[in-house]
Amino acid sequence: MTVIYDSFGVPGNCRGCGGKTHWHINGDYPLCPKCMRELVCEVKNLAERGFLNFDGDA
């Protein structure tokens, strides 16, 4: 599972690995493409196994 550390919360740095990125979640949560893909895959896997339920606009 991807763990996102706030210690990498420097503008322009990924919160997953600390590398440079221009990708953001909700405009203020930077993630590089690799960490973004890992996060999305993990959320998808949790949902498929019934650990997550989406309500509203997911």
N, C-alpha and C. Protein backbone atom coordinates (compact mmCIF):
# COMPACT_ATOMS: atom_id res chain seq x y z
N MET A 1 0.84 -1.18 0.00
CA MET A 1 0.00 0.00 0.00
C MET A 1 0.88 1.24 0.00
N THR A 2 0.49 2.23 -0.74
CA THR A 2 1.23 3.49 -0.82
C THR A 2 0.97 4.31 0.44
N VAL A 3 2.04 4.76 1.06
CA VAL A 3 1.92 5.65 2.22
C VAL A 3 2.43 7.01 1.79
N ILE A 4 1.63 8.03 2.03
CA ILE A 4 1.99 9.38 1.60
C ILE A 4 2.39 10.18 2.83
N TYR A 5 3.63 10.63 2.85
CA TYR A 5 4.19 11.31 4.01
C TYR A 5 4.12 12.82 3.83
N ASP A 6 3.65 13.52 4.87
CA ASP A 6 3.57 14.98 4.81
C ASP A 6 4.94 15.63 4.85
N SER A 7 5.99 14.91 5.25
CA SER A 7 7.33 15.50 5.28
C SER A 7 7.81 15.87 3.89
N PHE A 8 7.18 15.31 2.85
CA PHE A 8 7.54 15.65 1.48
C PHE A 8 6.67 16.79 0.95
N GLY A 9 5.89 17.42 1.83
CA GLY A 9 4.94 18.43 1.41
C GLY A 9 5.57 19.75 1.00
N VAL A 10 6.60 19.70 0.19
CA VAL A 10 7.25 20.89 -0.35
C VAL A 10 6.61 21.19 -1.69
N PRO A 11 6.27 22.44 -1.99
CA PRO A 11 5.65 22.74 -3.29
C PRO A 11 6.47 22.17 -4.45
N GLY A 12 5.82 21.41 -5.31
CA GLY A 12 6.49 20.82 -6.47
C GLY A 12 7.11 19.47 -6.21
N ASN A 13 7.03 18.96 -4.96
CA ASN A 13 7.56 17.64 -4.64
C ASN A 13 6.43 16.66 -4.36
N CYS A 14 6.61 15.42 -4.82
CA CYS A 14 5.63 14.36 -4.60
C CYS A 14 5.57 14.02 -3.11
N ARG A 15 4.37 13.84 -2.59
CA ARG A 15 4.22 13.44 -1.20
C ARG A 15 4.39 11.94 -1.02
N GLY A 16 4.49 11.19 -2.10
CA GLY A 16 4.70 9.76 -2.02
C GLY A 16 6.17 9.38 -1.98
N CYS A 17 6.98 10.02 -2.86
CA CYS A 17 8.39 9.65 -2.96
C CYS A 17 9.34 10.83 -2.80
N GLY A 18 8.82 12.04 -2.81
CA GLY A 18 9.67 13.23 -2.65
C GLY A 18 10.23 13.80 -3.94
N GLY A 19 9.97 13.12 -5.06
CA GLY A 19 10.48 13.59 -6.35
C GLY A 19 9.70 14.78 -6.88
N LYS A 20 10.26 15.44 -7.87
CA LYS A 20 9.61 16.59 -8.49
C LYS A 20 8.38 16.14 -9.28
N THR A 21 7.32 16.93 -9.22
CA THR A 21 6.11 16.61 -9.96
C THR A 21 5.28 17.86 -10.20
N HIS A 22 4.40 17.78 -11.20
CA HIS A 22 3.43 18.85 -11.42
C HIS A 22 2.01 18.31 -11.30
N TRP A 23 1.85 17.04 -10.94
CA TRP A 23 0.54 16.44 -10.75
C TRP A 23 0.03 16.77 -9.36
N HIS A 24 -1.27 17.01 -9.23
CA HIS A 24 -1.87 17.32 -7.93
C HIS A 24 -3.24 16.66 -7.80
N ILE A 25 -3.59 16.27 -6.57
CA ILE A 25 -4.93 15.82 -6.25
C ILE A 25 -5.65 17.00 -5.62
N ASN A 26 -6.81 17.33 -6.12
CA ASN A 26 -7.60 18.45 -5.61
C ASN A 26 -6.82 19.76 -5.62
N GLY A 27 -5.85 19.88 -6.50
CA GLY A 27 -5.13 21.13 -6.68
C GLY A 27 -4.04 21.42 -5.69
N ASP A 28 -3.96 20.68 -4.57
CA ASP A 28 -2.96 21.02 -3.56
C ASP A 28 -2.24 19.82 -2.96
N TYR A 29 -2.41 18.63 -3.52
CA TYR A 29 -1.78 17.43 -2.97
C TYR A 29 -0.90 16.81 -4.05
N PRO A 30 0.39 17.17 -4.10
CA PRO A 30 1.25 16.73 -5.21
C PRO A 30 1.62 15.25 -5.15
N LEU A 31 1.49 14.58 -6.29
CA LEU A 31 1.93 13.20 -6.46
C LEU A 31 2.52 13.05 -7.85
N CYS A 32 3.61 12.28 -7.95
CA CYS A 32 4.20 12.00 -9.26
C CYS A 32 3.33 10.94 -9.95
N PRO A 33 3.49 10.74 -11.26
CA PRO A 33 2.67 9.76 -11.98
C PRO A 33 2.77 8.35 -11.39
N LYS A 34 3.95 7.92 -10.96
CA LYS A 34 4.13 6.58 -10.39
C LYS A 34 3.33 6.42 -9.10
N CYS A 35 3.45 7.39 -8.19
CA CYS A 35 2.73 7.32 -6.92
C CYS A 35 1.23 7.48 -7.12
N MET A 36 0.84 8.31 -8.07
CA MET A 36 -0.58 8.48 -8.38
C MET A 36 -1.16 7.15 -8.86
N ARG A 37 -0.44 6.46 -9.74
CA ARG A 37 -0.90 5.17 -10.27
C ARG A 37 -1.01 4.14 -9.13
N GLU A 38 -0.01 4.11 -8.23
CA GLU A 38 -0.04 3.18 -7.11
C GLU A 38 -1.23 3.46 -6.20
N LEU A 39 -1.49 4.73 -5.93
CA LEU A 39 -2.61 5.10 -5.06
C LEU A 39 -3.94 4.70 -5.69
N VAL A 40 -4.11 4.99 -6.97
CA VAL A 40 -5.36 4.66 -7.66
C VAL A 40 -5.56 3.14 -7.70
N CYS A 41 -4.50 2.39 -7.97
CA CYS A 41 -4.60 0.93 -8.02
C CYS A 41 -4.96 0.36 -6.65
N GLU A 42 -4.37 0.90 -5.59
CA GLU A 42 -4.67 0.42 -4.24
C GLU A 42 -6.12 0.72 -3.86
N VAL A 43 -6.59 1.92 -4.17
CA VAL A 43 -7.98 2.27 -3.89
C VAL A 43 -8.93 1.35 -4.66
N LYS A 44 -8.60 1.09 -5.93
CA LYS A 44 -9.43 0.20 -6.76
C LYS A 44 -9.46 -1.21 -6.17
N ASN A 45 -8.30 -1.72 -5.75
CA ASN A 45 -8.23 -3.05 -5.16
C ASN A 45 -9.04 -3.14 -3.87
N LEU A 46 -8.94 -2.11 -3.02
CA LEU A 46 -9.71 -2.10 -1.78
C LEU A 46 -11.21 -2.08 -2.06
N ALA A 47 -11.62 -1.31 -3.06
CA ALA A 47 -13.03 -1.24 -3.42
C ALA A 47 -13.53 -2.58 -3.96
N GLU A 48 -12.72 -3.23 -4.79
CA GLU A 48 -13.12 -4.52 -5.36
C GLU A 48 -13.26 -5.59 -4.29
N ARG A 49 -12.47 -5.49 -3.22
CA ARG A 49 -12.54 -6.47 -2.14
C ARG A 49 -13.59 -6.11 -1.09
N GLY A 50 -14.31 -5.00 -1.31
CA GLY A 50 -15.39 -4.62 -0.41
C GLY A 50 -14.98 -3.83 0.81
N PHE A 51 -13.74 -3.34 0.84
CA PHE A 51 -13.28 -2.56 1.99
C PHE A 51 -13.63 -1.09 1.89
N LEU A 52 -14.02 -0.64 0.70
CA LEU A 52 -14.40 0.76 0.50
C LEU A 52 -15.79 0.81 -0.13
N ASN A 53 -16.56 1.77 0.32
CA ASN A 53 -17.87 2.03 -0.29
C ASN A 53 -17.88 3.47 -0.73
N PHE A 54 -18.27 3.71 -1.96
CA PHE A 54 -18.32 5.07 -2.50
C PHE A 54 -19.74 5.58 -2.45
N ASP A 55 -19.91 6.76 -1.89
CA ASP A 55 -21.22 7.42 -1.85
C ASP A 55 -21.11 8.75 -2.57
N GLY A 56 -22.14 9.11 -3.31
CA GLY A 56 -22.14 10.41 -3.97
C GLY A 56 -21.22 10.44 -5.17
N ASP A 57 -20.54 11.56 -5.35
CA ASP A 57 -19.65 11.75 -6.50
C ASP A 57 -18.28 11.17 -6.19
N ALA A 58 -18.07 9.93 -6.56
CA ALA A 58 -16.78 9.30 -6.30
C ALA A 58 -15.95 9.28 -7.54
